[in-house]
Protein backbone atom coordinates (compact mmCIF):
# COMPACT_ATOMS: atom_id res chain seq x y z
CA MET A 1 62.23 -128.82 -37.75
CA GLU A 2 63.68 -131.76 -35.84
CA ILE A 3 65.02 -134.46 -38.11
CA SER A 4 63.18 -137.00 -35.97
CA GLN A 5 59.93 -135.24 -36.83
CA SER A 6 60.62 -134.88 -40.54
CA PHE A 7 61.81 -138.45 -40.97
CA GLY A 8 59.35 -140.06 -38.61
CA VAL A 9 62.01 -141.70 -36.43
CA MET A 10 62.15 -142.16 -32.69
CA PRO A 11 63.44 -139.02 -30.94
CA SER A 12 65.49 -140.96 -28.41
CA LYS A 13 66.78 -144.44 -27.73
CA ILE A 14 64.25 -147.14 -26.95
CA SER A 15 64.19 -147.77 -23.20
CA LEU A 16 65.40 -151.31 -22.69
CA THR A 17 63.57 -152.34 -19.52
CA GLN A 18 64.29 -155.56 -17.62
CA PRO A 19 62.12 -158.61 -18.28
CA PRO A 20 59.19 -158.93 -15.88
CA THR A 21 59.61 -161.13 -12.83
CA ILE A 22 57.29 -163.69 -14.35
CA HIS A 23 60.46 -165.25 -15.85
CA ALA A 24 61.03 -166.97 -12.51
CA ARG A 25 57.96 -169.08 -13.13
CA TYR A 26 58.57 -169.49 -16.87
CA PRO A 27 62.35 -169.67 -17.48
CA TRP A 28 61.96 -170.03 -21.26
CA LEU A 29 60.41 -166.56 -21.39
CA GLU A 30 63.71 -165.01 -20.29
CA ARG A 31 65.37 -166.27 -23.47
CA VAL A 32 62.48 -164.86 -25.53
CA PHE A 33 62.74 -161.46 -23.86
CA LYS A 34 66.49 -161.35 -24.42
CA ILE A 35 66.03 -162.13 -28.11
CA VAL A 36 63.32 -159.45 -28.42
CA LEU A 37 65.43 -156.86 -26.60
CA THR A 38 68.45 -157.65 -28.77
CA CYS A 39 66.29 -157.16 -31.87
CA LEU A 40 64.92 -153.89 -30.52
CA GLY A 41 68.43 -152.65 -29.79
CA THR A 42 69.53 -153.53 -33.31
CA LEU A 43 66.45 -151.85 -34.78
CA ASN A 44 67.07 -148.74 -32.73
CA SER A 45 70.66 -148.52 -34.04
CA MET A 46 69.45 -149.00 -37.60
CA VAL A 47 66.83 -146.25 -37.21
CA GLU A 48 69.40 -143.86 -35.76
CA LYS A 49 71.84 -144.60 -38.58
CA LYS A 50 69.08 -144.09 -41.18
CA ALA A 51 68.17 -140.78 -39.60
CA SER A 52 71.83 -139.76 -39.62
CA ASP A 53 72.22 -140.76 -43.27
CA TYR A 54 69.04 -138.85 -44.14
CA TYR A 55 70.26 -135.75 -42.40
CA ASN A 56 73.65 -135.89 -44.11
CA VAL A 57 72.02 -136.16 -47.54
CA TYR A 58 69.15 -133.73 -47.04
CA ALA A 59 70.49 -131.34 -44.42
CA PHE A 60 68.79 -127.95 -44.80
CA ASP A 61 68.28 -124.86 -42.81
CA TYR A 62 64.67 -125.80 -42.18
CA SER A 63 63.88 -122.31 -40.93
CA LEU A 64 63.74 -121.41 -44.61
CA PHE A 65 60.54 -123.39 -45.01
CA ARG A 66 57.38 -121.38 -44.52
CA ASN A 67 54.88 -123.16 -42.33
CA VAL A 68 51.47 -121.57 -42.15
CA GLY A 69 50.16 -124.48 -40.13
CA GLN A 70 48.07 -126.00 -42.91
CA ASP A 71 48.58 -129.58 -43.98
CA MET A 72 48.19 -130.09 -47.71
CA ALA A 73 45.58 -132.75 -47.06
CA ASP A 74 43.42 -129.99 -45.57
CA PHE A 75 43.12 -128.34 -48.99
CA GLU A 76 41.16 -131.33 -50.28
CA ASN A 77 38.38 -130.31 -47.89
CA TYR A 78 37.83 -127.14 -49.89
CA MET A 79 37.80 -128.69 -53.38
CA SER A 80 34.05 -128.86 -53.73
CA PRO A 81 31.45 -126.64 -55.40
CA GLY A 82 30.15 -123.73 -53.39
CA ARG A 83 33.27 -123.20 -51.25
CA ARG A 84 34.81 -119.70 -51.13
CA GLY A 85 38.48 -118.98 -51.71
CA HIS A 86 40.75 -115.95 -52.21
CA LEU A 87 44.01 -115.99 -54.24
CA ILE A 88 46.69 -113.40 -53.45
CA GLY A 89 48.80 -112.65 -56.52
CA ILE A 90 46.05 -113.99 -58.76
CA GLY A 91 47.45 -112.38 -61.91
CA GLY A 92 50.55 -114.60 -62.04
CA VAL A 93 50.69 -117.24 -64.76
CA SER A 94 50.32 -120.22 -62.44
CA MET A 95 47.92 -118.47 -60.05
CA SER A 96 45.61 -117.28 -62.80
CA SER A 97 45.53 -120.83 -64.17
CA LEU A 98 44.78 -122.16 -60.68
CA ALA A 99 42.01 -119.61 -60.31
CA GLU A 100 40.39 -120.83 -63.54
CA VAL A 101 40.72 -124.49 -62.52
CA LEU A 102 39.12 -123.88 -59.12
CA PHE A 103 36.45 -121.66 -60.67
CA ASP A 104 35.65 -124.41 -63.20
CA MET A 105 35.19 -126.79 -60.24
CA GLY A 106 32.40 -124.54 -58.96
CA ILE A 107 34.42 -122.88 -56.21
CA ASN A 108 33.68 -119.18 -55.67
CA ILE A 109 36.99 -117.42 -56.28
CA SER A 110 38.18 -113.86 -55.70
CA GLY A 111 41.70 -112.48 -55.72
CA SER A 112 44.05 -109.56 -55.65
CA ASP A 113 47.13 -108.36 -57.49
CA THR A 114 49.25 -105.25 -57.77
CA ILE A 115 48.52 -104.53 -61.44
CA GLU A 116 45.65 -105.08 -63.83
CA SER A 117 47.47 -107.40 -66.22
CA GLN A 118 45.94 -109.23 -69.16
CA ASN A 119 45.62 -112.32 -66.97
CA VAL A 120 43.60 -110.26 -64.49
CA LYS A 121 41.36 -108.98 -67.25
CA ASN A 122 40.77 -112.53 -68.50
CA LEU A 123 39.76 -113.64 -65.01
CA GLU A 124 37.42 -110.67 -64.64
CA ASN A 125 35.80 -111.61 -67.95
CA LEU A 126 35.04 -115.02 -66.47
CA GLY A 127 33.28 -113.35 -63.56
CA ILE A 128 36.08 -113.61 -61.01
CA GLN A 129 36.34 -110.51 -58.80
CA VAL A 130 39.91 -109.15 -58.62
CA ALA A 131 41.01 -106.29 -56.41
CA ILE A 132 43.96 -104.20 -57.60
CA GLY A 133 46.25 -103.63 -54.66
CA HIS A 134 46.69 -105.67 -51.49
CA SER A 135 44.48 -104.60 -48.60
CA ALA A 136 43.16 -106.21 -45.45
CA ASP A 137 39.70 -105.13 -46.65
CA ASN A 138 39.96 -107.78 -49.40
CA ILE A 139 39.69 -110.52 -46.77
CA THR A 140 36.01 -110.76 -45.98
CA GLU A 141 34.19 -112.97 -43.48
CA ASP A 142 32.79 -115.30 -46.15
CA ILE A 143 36.27 -116.38 -47.34
CA GLU A 144 36.96 -119.96 -46.26
CA PHE A 145 40.58 -120.32 -47.46
CA VAL A 146 43.42 -118.27 -48.91
CA VAL A 147 46.07 -119.31 -51.46
CA ARG A 148 49.25 -117.29 -51.94
CA THR A 149 52.29 -117.39 -54.21
CA ALA A 150 55.86 -117.78 -53.00
CA ALA A 151 56.34 -114.02 -53.48
CA VAL A 152 53.65 -113.15 -50.90
CA HIS A 153 55.09 -113.01 -47.40
CA ASP A 154 53.58 -112.89 -43.93
CA ASP A 155 53.80 -109.10 -43.83
CA ASN A 156 51.27 -108.84 -46.66
CA PRO A 157 48.16 -107.12 -45.19
CA GLU A 158 45.83 -109.79 -46.60
CA ILE A 159 47.90 -112.61 -45.10
CA ALA A 160 48.00 -110.79 -41.75
CA LYS A 161 44.23 -110.34 -41.81
CA ALA A 162 43.62 -114.00 -42.77
CA MET A 163 45.87 -115.13 -39.90
CA GLU A 164 44.02 -112.83 -37.50
CA MET A 165 40.69 -114.27 -38.61
CA GLY A 166 41.94 -117.87 -38.45
CA ILE A 167 41.38 -118.46 -42.16
CA PRO A 168 43.48 -121.38 -43.49
CA ILE A 169 46.35 -120.22 -45.73
CA PHE A 170 47.81 -122.48 -48.40
CA GLU A 171 50.72 -122.15 -50.79
CA ARG A 172 49.96 -122.17 -54.51
CA THR A 173 51.92 -125.38 -55.00
CA GLN A 174 49.96 -127.07 -52.21
CA ALA A 175 46.83 -126.46 -54.24
CA TRP A 176 48.39 -127.77 -57.44
CA GLY A 177 49.89 -130.70 -55.55
CA THR A 178 46.49 -131.64 -54.21
CA ILE A 179 44.99 -131.45 -57.69
CA SER A 180 47.77 -133.62 -59.13
CA LYS A 181 47.10 -136.46 -56.66
CA ASP A 182 43.96 -137.36 -58.62
CA TYR A 183 46.05 -138.46 -61.64
CA ASN A 184 47.78 -141.79 -62.23
CA ASN A 185 50.63 -140.03 -64.05
CA ALA A 186 52.02 -136.77 -62.67
CA LEU A 187 54.77 -135.52 -64.99
CA CYS A 188 56.60 -132.68 -63.23
CA ILE A 189 59.21 -130.67 -65.16
CA SER A 190 61.90 -128.97 -63.06
CA GLY A 191 65.23 -127.25 -63.67
CA THR A 192 66.86 -123.86 -63.49
CA HIS A 193 66.17 -123.29 -67.19
CA GLY A 194 63.85 -124.68 -69.84
CA LYS A 195 60.85 -125.65 -67.72
CA THR A 196 58.19 -123.80 -69.69
CA THR A 197 59.51 -124.91 -73.08
CA THR A 198 59.88 -128.55 -72.04
CA THR A 199 56.46 -128.61 -70.37
CA SER A 200 55.04 -127.17 -73.58
CA MET A 201 56.81 -129.79 -75.70
CA CYS A 202 55.44 -132.55 -73.46
CA THR A 203 51.97 -131.07 -73.85
CA HIS A 204 52.26 -131.19 -77.65
CA ILE A 205 53.42 -134.81 -77.48
CA LEU A 206 50.64 -135.85 -75.11
CA MET A 207 48.06 -134.15 -77.31
CA ALA A 208 49.47 -135.89 -80.41
CA ALA A 209 49.23 -139.19 -78.52
CA ASP A 210 45.55 -138.51 -77.69
CA LYS A 211 46.23 -138.65 -73.95
CA ASP A 212 43.88 -135.72 -73.24
CA PRO A 213 46.19 -134.33 -70.51
CA THR A 214 45.64 -131.76 -67.81
CA VAL A 215 48.35 -129.10 -68.10
CA MET A 216 49.85 -126.35 -65.97
CA ILE A 217 52.52 -124.24 -67.69
CA GLY A 218 54.39 -121.16 -66.49
CA GLY A 219 53.62 -119.35 -69.73
CA THR A 220 51.15 -119.17 -72.58
CA LEU A 221 51.17 -122.01 -75.11
CA PRO A 222 49.60 -121.07 -78.49
CA LEU A 223 48.24 -124.61 -78.86
CA LEU A 224 46.09 -124.00 -75.79
CA ASN A 225 45.83 -120.21 -76.08
CA ALA A 226 46.39 -120.36 -72.33
CA GLY A 227 48.78 -121.59 -69.66
CA HIS A 228 46.61 -124.48 -68.58
CA ARG A 229 44.26 -127.16 -69.82
CA ILE A 230 41.76 -129.40 -68.07
CA GLY A 231 41.69 -132.85 -69.66
CA ARG A 232 39.83 -136.09 -69.03
CA GLY A 233 42.87 -138.36 -69.26
CA ASN A 234 44.89 -139.85 -66.41
CA THR A 235 47.98 -137.66 -66.95
CA ILE A 236 48.84 -134.21 -65.63
CA VAL A 237 51.94 -132.37 -66.80
CA MET A 238 53.15 -129.55 -64.59
CA GLU A 239 55.96 -127.04 -64.47
CA ALA A 240 57.72 -127.48 -61.14
CA CYS A 241 59.68 -124.52 -59.71
CA GLU A 242 62.28 -124.87 -56.94
CA TYR A 243 61.86 -121.36 -55.53
CA TYR A 244 60.93 -121.57 -51.83
CA ASN A 245 61.10 -125.37 -52.32
CA SER A 246 57.69 -125.02 -53.97
CA PHE A 247 58.01 -128.21 -56.02
CA LEU A 248 58.30 -130.26 -52.84
CA SER A 249 54.50 -129.92 -52.55
CA PHE A 250 54.10 -131.98 -55.74
CA PHE A 251 53.73 -135.75 -56.04
CA PRO A 252 55.58 -136.62 -59.24
CA THR A 253 55.41 -140.07 -60.73
CA ILE A 254 57.90 -138.81 -63.31
CA ALA A 255 60.31 -136.08 -62.14
CA VAL A 256 62.29 -134.36 -64.88
CA ILE A 257 65.41 -132.37 -63.95
CA LEU A 258 66.67 -130.34 -66.90
CA ASN A 259 69.65 -128.67 -65.21
CA ILE A 260 70.71 -127.21 -61.87
CA GLU A 261 72.48 -123.87 -61.39
CA ALA A 262 72.79 -121.34 -58.60
CA ASP A 263 69.63 -119.24 -58.65
CA HIS A 264 67.07 -117.84 -56.22
CA LEU A 265 69.92 -117.03 -53.85
CA ASP A 266 67.60 -114.75 -51.91
CA PHE A 267 66.18 -118.04 -50.59
CA PHE A 268 68.82 -120.74 -51.04
CA LYS A 269 72.10 -120.30 -49.22
CA ASP A 270 74.25 -121.61 -52.07
CA LEU A 271 74.39 -124.05 -54.98
CA ASP A 272 74.71 -127.05 -52.66
CA GLU A 273 71.41 -126.17 -51.03
CA VAL A 274 69.80 -125.84 -54.45
CA LYS A 275 71.07 -129.30 -55.34
CA ARG A 276 69.74 -130.79 -52.11
CA SER A 277 66.31 -129.35 -52.86
CA PHE A 278 66.29 -131.02 -56.30
CA ARG A 279 67.41 -134.29 -54.70
CA ILE A 280 64.45 -134.24 -52.31
CA PHE A 281 62.15 -133.47 -55.24
CA ALA A 282 63.48 -136.50 -57.13
CA SER A 283 63.19 -138.67 -54.02
CA LYS A 284 59.44 -138.09 -53.98
CA VAL A 285 59.04 -140.31 -57.05
CA PRO A 286 57.47 -143.66 -56.08
CA ASP A 287 59.31 -146.94 -56.63
CA ASP A 288 57.40 -147.58 -59.86
CA GLY A 289 58.07 -144.04 -61.14
CA TYR A 290 61.01 -142.48 -62.98
CA VAL A 291 63.52 -139.70 -62.61
CA VAL A 292 64.49 -138.12 -65.96
CA ALA A 293 67.89 -136.43 -65.70
CA ASN A 294 70.28 -134.44 -67.88
CA TYR A 295 73.35 -136.64 -68.21
CA ASP A 296 75.42 -133.70 -69.53
CA ASP A 297 74.75 -131.51 -66.49
CA ALA A 298 77.28 -132.25 -63.74
CA ASN A 299 75.20 -130.58 -61.01
CA THR A 300 72.16 -132.68 -61.84
CA MET A 301 74.03 -135.97 -61.86
CA ASP A 302 75.87 -135.07 -58.66
CA ALA A 303 72.61 -134.20 -56.91
CA LEU A 304 71.07 -137.55 -57.90
CA GLU A 305 74.05 -139.78 -57.16
CA GLY A 306 73.04 -142.87 -55.22
CA LEU A 307 69.37 -141.85 -55.08
CA GLY A 308 68.13 -145.37 -55.71
CA LYS A 309 65.28 -144.45 -58.07
CA LYS A 310 64.67 -145.72 -61.58
CA MET A 311 66.37 -143.19 -63.86
CA ILE A 312 66.42 -142.47 -67.55
CA THR A 313 68.99 -139.94 -68.77
CA PHE A 314 69.11 -137.67 -71.80
CA GLY A 315 71.91 -135.70 -73.41
CA LEU A 316 74.11 -135.06 -76.41
CA THR A 317 76.34 -138.07 -75.82
CA ASP A 318 75.63 -141.74 -76.39
CA LYS A 319 76.39 -142.34 -72.72
CA ALA A 320 72.86 -141.07 -72.06
CA ASN A 321 69.84 -143.36 -72.48
CA VAL A 322 68.17 -140.88 -74.85
CA TYR A 323 70.47 -138.85 -77.10
CA ALA A 324 70.64 -136.95 -80.37
CA LYS A 325 72.73 -137.58 -83.46
CA ASN A 326 73.06 -135.92 -86.86
CA ILE A 327 72.01 -132.48 -85.57
CA LYS A 328 71.60 -129.93 -88.37
CA PHE A 329 70.64 -126.25 -88.00
CA SER A 330 68.99 -124.22 -90.74
CA GLY A 331 67.71 -120.85 -89.59
CA VAL A 332 65.16 -121.45 -86.85
CA THR A 333 64.70 -125.09 -87.88
CA THR A 334 66.69 -127.97 -86.38
CA THR A 335 66.64 -131.59 -87.53
CA PHE A 336 68.16 -134.55 -85.69
CA ASP A 337 67.76 -138.24 -84.93
CA ILE A 338 66.80 -139.44 -81.47
CA TYR A 339 68.36 -142.65 -80.20
CA TYR A 340 67.13 -144.65 -77.23
CA LYS A 341 69.52 -147.19 -75.73
CA ASN A 342 71.70 -147.02 -78.85
CA ASN A 343 68.82 -147.75 -81.24
CA LEU A 344 67.22 -145.23 -83.59
CA PHE A 345 63.96 -144.18 -81.97
CA THR A 346 62.68 -141.47 -84.32
CA ASP A 347 63.77 -138.48 -86.38
CA VAL A 348 62.68 -134.99 -85.39
CA THR A 349 62.22 -131.59 -86.98
CA LEU A 350 62.09 -128.73 -84.46
CA HIS A 351 60.78 -125.30 -85.43
CA VAL A 352 62.51 -123.55 -82.54
CA PRO A 353 66.23 -122.77 -82.76
CA GLY A 354 69.16 -123.54 -80.50
CA ILE A 355 71.01 -126.51 -79.04
CA HIS A 356 69.25 -125.87 -75.73
CA ASN A 357 65.97 -126.68 -77.44
CA VAL A 358 67.43 -129.93 -78.74
CA LYS A 359 68.15 -130.81 -75.09
CA ASN A 360 64.62 -129.77 -74.10
CA ALA A 361 63.21 -132.01 -76.82
CA LEU A 362 65.34 -134.92 -75.62
CA ALA A 363 64.02 -134.39 -72.08
CA ALA A 364 60.44 -134.38 -73.37
CA THR A 365 61.16 -137.53 -75.36
CA ALA A 366 62.65 -139.33 -72.33
CA ALA A 367 59.63 -138.39 -70.21
CA SER A 368 57.30 -139.59 -72.97
CA ILE A 369 59.11 -142.90 -73.17
CA CYS A 370 58.43 -143.32 -69.45
CA LEU A 371 54.74 -142.84 -70.24
CA GLY A 372 54.86 -145.46 -73.01
CA ILE A 373 54.15 -142.99 -75.81
CA ARG A 374 54.86 -144.24 -79.32
CA PRO A 375 57.68 -142.71 -81.43
CA ASN A 376 55.38 -141.21 -84.08
CA ALA A 377 53.45 -139.21 -81.45
CA ILE A 378 56.72 -137.83 -80.16
CA LYS A 379 57.90 -136.98 -83.68
CA TYR A 380 54.71 -135.18 -84.70
CA GLY A 381 54.16 -133.60 -81.31
CA LEU A 382 57.62 -131.96 -81.42
CA ALA A 383 57.16 -130.97 -85.09
CA GLY A 384 53.98 -129.09 -84.15
CA PHE A 385 55.70 -127.08 -81.43
CA ASN A 386 56.54 -123.54 -82.51
CA GLY A 387 57.47 -122.07 -79.16
CA ALA A 388 55.81 -120.89 -75.98
CA GLY A 389 54.88 -117.34 -75.07
CA ARG A 390 57.89 -115.15 -74.23
CA ARG A 391 60.34 -117.87 -75.29
CA PHE A 392 62.15 -116.69 -78.44
CA GLU A 393 58.77 -115.26 -79.44
CA TYR A 394 58.63 -113.36 -82.73
CA LYS A 395 56.70 -110.10 -82.29
CA GLY A 396 56.98 -108.36 -85.66
CA LYS A 397 59.01 -105.77 -87.59
CA PHE A 398 60.35 -102.36 -86.57
CA LYS A 399 62.12 -100.20 -89.16
CA GLY A 400 63.05 -103.38 -91.06
CA ALA A 401 64.46 -105.13 -87.99
CA ASP A 402 63.02 -108.36 -86.56
CA VAL A 403 61.64 -107.94 -83.04
CA TYR A 404 61.60 -110.86 -80.59
CA ASP A 405 60.93 -111.33 -76.91
CA ASP A 406 62.50 -113.80 -74.49
CA TYR A 407 62.01 -114.54 -70.78
CA ALA A 408 65.74 -115.12 -70.10
CA HIS A 409 66.64 -113.68 -66.69
CA HIS A 410 69.59 -115.82 -65.60
CA PRO A 411 73.11 -115.77 -67.12
CA GLY A 412 72.70 -119.37 -68.23
CA GLU A 413 69.55 -118.47 -70.14
CA LEU A 414 71.21 -115.43 -71.65
CA LYS A 415 74.06 -117.64 -72.85
CA ALA A 416 71.65 -120.08 -74.50
CA LEU A 417 69.81 -117.20 -76.17
CA LEU A 418 72.99 -115.53 -77.47
CA ASP A 419 74.47 -118.85 -78.61
CA THR A 420 71.35 -119.35 -80.71
CA LEU A 421 71.36 -115.80 -82.10
CA GLU A 422 74.93 -116.19 -83.31
CA THR A 423 73.81 -119.01 -85.62
CA LEU A 424 71.13 -116.90 -87.35
CA ASN A 425 73.38 -114.53 -89.31
CA TYR A 426 71.84 -111.20 -88.40
CA GLU A 427 74.03 -108.19 -89.19
CA ARG A 428 73.63 -106.77 -85.71
CA THR A 429 72.18 -107.95 -82.41
CA ILE A 430 70.44 -105.45 -80.12
CA ILE A 431 69.54 -106.68 -76.66
CA ILE A 432 67.20 -104.71 -74.43
CA PHE A 433 67.84 -106.25 -71.05
CA GLN A 434 65.91 -105.76 -67.84
CA PRO A 435 67.52 -107.59 -64.88
CA HIS A 436 65.05 -109.40 -62.64
CA THR A 437 65.31 -108.82 -58.87
CA TYR A 438 68.05 -107.00 -56.99
CA SER A 439 69.30 -110.14 -55.24
CA ARG A 440 69.84 -112.10 -58.47
CA THR A 441 71.51 -109.14 -60.16
CA ALA A 442 73.94 -108.74 -57.28
CA ALA A 443 74.66 -112.43 -56.77
CA LEU A 444 75.27 -113.16 -60.46
CA PHE A 445 76.57 -109.74 -61.50
CA ASP A 446 79.86 -110.91 -63.08
CA ASP A 447 78.10 -113.74 -64.95
CA PHE A 448 75.61 -111.24 -66.40
CA ILE A 449 78.51 -109.02 -67.50
CA THR A 450 80.21 -111.93 -69.28
CA GLN A 451 77.12 -112.58 -71.41
CA LEU A 452 76.11 -108.95 -71.97
CA LYS A 453 79.51 -108.19 -73.51
CA ARG A 454 78.59 -110.42 -76.45
CA PRO A 455 75.81 -108.47 -78.29
CA ASP A 456 76.62 -105.53 -80.56
CA VAL A 457 74.32 -103.19 -78.64
CA VAL A 458 72.85 -103.49 -75.15
CA LEU A 459 70.15 -101.16 -73.85
CA LEU A 460 69.74 -101.58 -70.09
CA ALA A 461 66.44 -100.96 -68.37
CA GLU A 462 66.27 -100.52 -64.60
CA ILE A 463 66.09 -103.68 -62.50
CA TYR A 464 62.60 -105.17 -62.19
CA ALA A 465 61.93 -105.40 -58.46
CA ALA A 466 59.29 -108.16 -58.55
CA ARG A 467 58.91 -109.34 -54.94
CA GLU A 468 61.90 -107.39 -53.56
CA LYS A 469 62.90 -104.04 -52.13
CA ASN A 470 66.24 -102.53 -53.09
CA THR A 471 68.01 -102.95 -49.77
CA ILE A 472 71.28 -103.60 -51.65
CA GLY A 473 71.41 -100.24 -53.40
CA ILE A 474 72.07 -101.77 -56.82
CA SER A 475 71.06 -100.48 -60.26
CA SER A 476 71.39 -101.64 -63.85
CA GLU A 477 73.43 -98.50 -64.36
CA ASP A 478 76.18 -100.15 -62.29
CA MET A 479 76.85 -102.44 -65.25
CA LEU A 480 77.92 -99.61 -67.57
CA GLU A 481 81.44 -99.49 -66.18
CA LYS A 482 82.11 -102.98 -67.53
CA LEU A 483 79.98 -102.86 -70.68
CA PRO A 484 81.36 -100.59 -73.40
CA ASN A 485 78.54 -101.72 -75.70
CA ALA A 486 75.76 -100.65 -73.31
CA SER A 487 73.72 -97.62 -72.32
CA PHE A 488 71.26 -97.21 -69.45
CA TYR A 489 67.69 -95.88 -69.53
CA PRO A 490 65.58 -95.16 -66.44
CA ASP A 491 62.36 -95.46 -68.45
CA PHE A 492 61.04 -97.29 -71.50
CA GLU A 493 60.44 -94.14 -73.51
CA GLY A 494 64.16 -93.47 -73.65
CA ILE A 495 64.74 -96.99 -74.99
CA GLU A 496 62.09 -96.51 -77.69
CA HIS A 497 63.61 -93.16 -78.70
CA THR A 498 67.07 -94.71 -79.08
CA LEU A 499 65.76 -97.63 -81.09
CA TRP A 500 63.94 -95.29 -83.42
CA ALA A 501 67.29 -93.61 -84.07
CA ILE A 502 69.48 -96.72 -84.54
CA ALA A 503 67.32 -99.63 -85.76
CA ARG A 504 67.80 -100.73 -89.37
CA PRO A 505 67.13 -103.69 -91.67
CA GLY A 506 69.40 -106.63 -90.83
CA ASP A 507 69.10 -106.05 -87.07
CA VAL A 508 67.48 -108.38 -84.60
CA ILE A 509 66.02 -106.65 -81.56
CA PHE A 510 65.36 -108.74 -78.45
CA THR A 511 63.53 -107.62 -75.33
CA VAL A 512 64.93 -109.86 -72.63
CA GLY A 513 63.87 -110.40 -69.00
CA ALA A 514 61.17 -111.83 -66.74
CA GLY A 515 59.64 -108.47 -65.87
CA ASP A 516 57.62 -106.10 -68.05
CA ILE A 517 60.30 -105.34 -70.64
CA TYR A 518 58.14 -107.14 -73.23
CA LYS A 519 56.06 -103.97 -73.33
CA VAL A 520 58.85 -102.23 -75.23
CA GLY A 521 58.65 -104.79 -78.02
CA GLU A 522 54.89 -104.48 -78.17
CA SER A 523 55.25 -100.72 -78.39
CA LEU A 524 57.79 -101.01 -81.21
CA ILE A 525 55.46 -102.97 -83.46
CA ASN A 526 52.53 -100.70 -82.69
CA PRO A 527 51.87 -98.43 -85.71
CA ASP A 528 51.11 -95.56 -83.36
CA LEU A 529 54.79 -95.42 -82.31
CA THR A 530 55.87 -95.02 -85.92
CA LYS A 531 53.34 -92.23 -86.39
CA LYS A 532 54.57 -90.57 -83.21
CA TYR A 533 58.21 -90.44 -84.26
CA GLU A 534 57.52 -89.70 -87.91
CA SER A 535 55.65 -86.60 -86.80
CA PHE A 536 58.89 -85.40 -85.17
CA SER A 537 60.97 -85.99 -88.31
């Protein structure tokens, strides 16, 4: 992409032609032309400098952007009852929510996915046809548009068929971005970690404030018994992911940045490119909007330096606009006072553990202040939050041990999880870890090792491929050399067998990862597993 095209500047210098010969008859016109030409020359220099400044701040390898030739404005043409759309990867959390939203609008929706997940079953129960497996046959002549996730590439047979047939193809975030434009307040929560939890906290606060919000979360929130909600109010709260620059399709009036770390390095070149992406996201906020930023996170503050947008910061220091004091931990409960501009704003009781959740609550509070929400709604909204699905989620008991599940799939998230566990006084911590994607495992290998040395016992499942193929030749088993506390299992049954042998009261067992490792925890609390192994005893 040429910077002149992306910024809307002139591709070359303005041609400064000579004044017309009419100046001979009207001498005063010559002075006017000279003044005009001088102004044009100055303007041209200013435009070129602005373009140069823009490029220096936002320089990207623009070949990384996928361009399927569809302007986001085009999607609005399909948001009417009776239209026909197909969603590829429909079983994903955000895609299944999108499918329901479009279906509720009266749009005829079909889709496809690789597995028949619970999300797929829920959609089928609504009457949405879902094909298991990707095939060109799923793209029929009556389909008017296709929506895909960031994980679906051009070599997907359904994408290839849609391109061949000339069917418009949109990104998932283009659809959500279009939907969000109908709201006065678009609260978009971004960051390497904590998006789902903070979006969920914001949802609780907005519900307590009777704002009747529309919600899109990257996980299941018990309050909604879903990952989305369609409200009648003028506020939408959305989880905004940076992968493939997806969040750049959104139109935030309030952009929250929780933290920035190196991640998704199969797409971004390095941390600097990640930071630039977040900066562009924040720059999309209008002049009357707000950027909410983590004052304690150096990468975030560096990315936003000199942005020129109204900003409200949060953190654990009184240098932030919104900060916490008098933090006290008691089991899974945390109490603290929230200060805003050095004045006591409200006191809070959180029923989710960990200092990272204090930070998430501060971010939700700062965003809520931008929306003009009263302190009591924030206090009671946060008090009613007991966690989101797959975020420090209690599953049940197994041989006297507590079983939890967590979505952590980045070293920073693992650190936050283990920091929290160390405050809970369990006798022994057992982590069942399934790395997520080959590229992330390879790029952050040493950081994973640093965190995985901390638990008493680590049971490693094979890497969850997700959208990737193992072109690197890496395996979870490669970690064993540096982890004396770990063992590797090529299948879940081996993990279950080991846990049956070693689990005891006083243990905490965590299934950890963004793949399907949660199934191990669900199996552990299933009475049939106990019957199975007791029959062998």
